[in-house]
């Protein structure tokens, strides 16, 4: 997956999903995730999030 697509998915994830999941608003977070999957495809979203988590873990979080 091109890095710019990965960055786009993560950027939208941070806007559409993270803030709502952090506040316990799973319904809205799920809608945001569904939008990402519909827009970019499940595999692209999965790959982007896996890379994001790996980077986060590599930083010791």
Protein backbone atom coordinates (compact mmCIF):
# COMPACT_ATOMS: atom_id res chain seq x y z
CA UNK A 1 0.00 0.00 0.00
CA UNK A 2 1.44 3.41 -0.87
CA UNK A 3 2.52 5.38 2.17
CA UNK A 4 0.30 8.34 1.28
CA UNK A 5 -2.79 6.09 1.29
CA UNK A 6 -1.72 4.69 4.65
CA UNK A 7 -1.30 8.23 5.99
CA UNK A 8 -4.71 9.25 4.63
CA UNK A 9 -6.43 6.29 6.28
CA UNK A 10 -4.71 6.93 9.62
CA UNK A 11 -5.52 10.64 9.45
CA UNK A 12 -9.19 9.91 8.85
CA UNK A 13 -9.16 7.21 11.54
CA UNK A 14 -7.82 9.75 14.03
CA UNK A 15 -10.66 12.09 13.09
CA UNK A 16 -13.58 9.70 12.59
CA UNK A 17 -12.91 6.92 15.09
CA UNK A 18 -10.36 7.62 17.84
CA UNK A 19 -12.02 10.56 19.61
CA UNK A 20 -15.36 8.78 19.80
CA UNK A 21 -13.90 5.44 20.88
CA UNK A 22 -11.96 7.23 23.62
CA UNK A 23 -15.20 8.75 24.92
CA UNK A 24 -17.04 5.43 24.84
CA UNK A 25 -19.18 6.42 21.85
CA UNK A 26 -18.83 3.07 20.13
CA UNK A 27 -21.80 3.68 17.85
CA UNK A 28 -20.17 6.73 16.27
CA UNK A 29 -16.73 5.10 16.23
CA UNK A 30 -18.19 2.06 14.46
CA UNK A 31 -19.82 4.30 11.86
CA UNK A 32 -16.47 6.00 11.25
CA UNK A 33 -14.74 2.65 10.86
CA UNK A 34 -17.46 1.44 8.49
CA UNK A 35 -16.94 4.58 6.42
CA UNK A 36 -13.19 3.92 6.19
CA UNK A 37 -13.79 0.32 5.12
CA UNK A 38 -16.36 1.38 2.51
CA UNK A 39 -14.03 4.06 1.17
CA UNK A 40 -10.65 2.28 1.21
CA UNK A 41 -11.46 -1.42 1.47
CA UNK A 42 -11.13 -3.67 4.48
CA UNK A 43 -7.64 -4.92 3.64
CA UNK A 44 -6.23 -1.41 3.18
CA UNK A 45 -7.74 -0.27 6.48
CA UNK A 46 -6.46 -3.39 8.23
CA UNK A 47 -2.94 -2.86 6.86
CA UNK A 48 -2.90 0.83 7.77
CA UNK A 49 -4.08 0.17 11.32
CA UNK A 50 -1.62 -2.71 11.77
CA UNK A 51 1.21 -0.43 10.70
CA UNK A 52 -0.04 2.32 13.00
CA UNK A 53 -0.16 -0.04 15.98
CA UNK A 54 3.29 -1.44 15.18
CA UNK A 55 4.76 2.08 15.06
CA UNK A 56 3.06 2.96 18.32
CA UNK A 57 4.39 -0.17 20.01
CA UNK A 58 7.89 0.42 18.64
CA UNK A 59 7.90 3.74 20.47
CA UNK A 60 7.35 1.85 23.72
CA UNK A 61 3.71 2.69 24.33
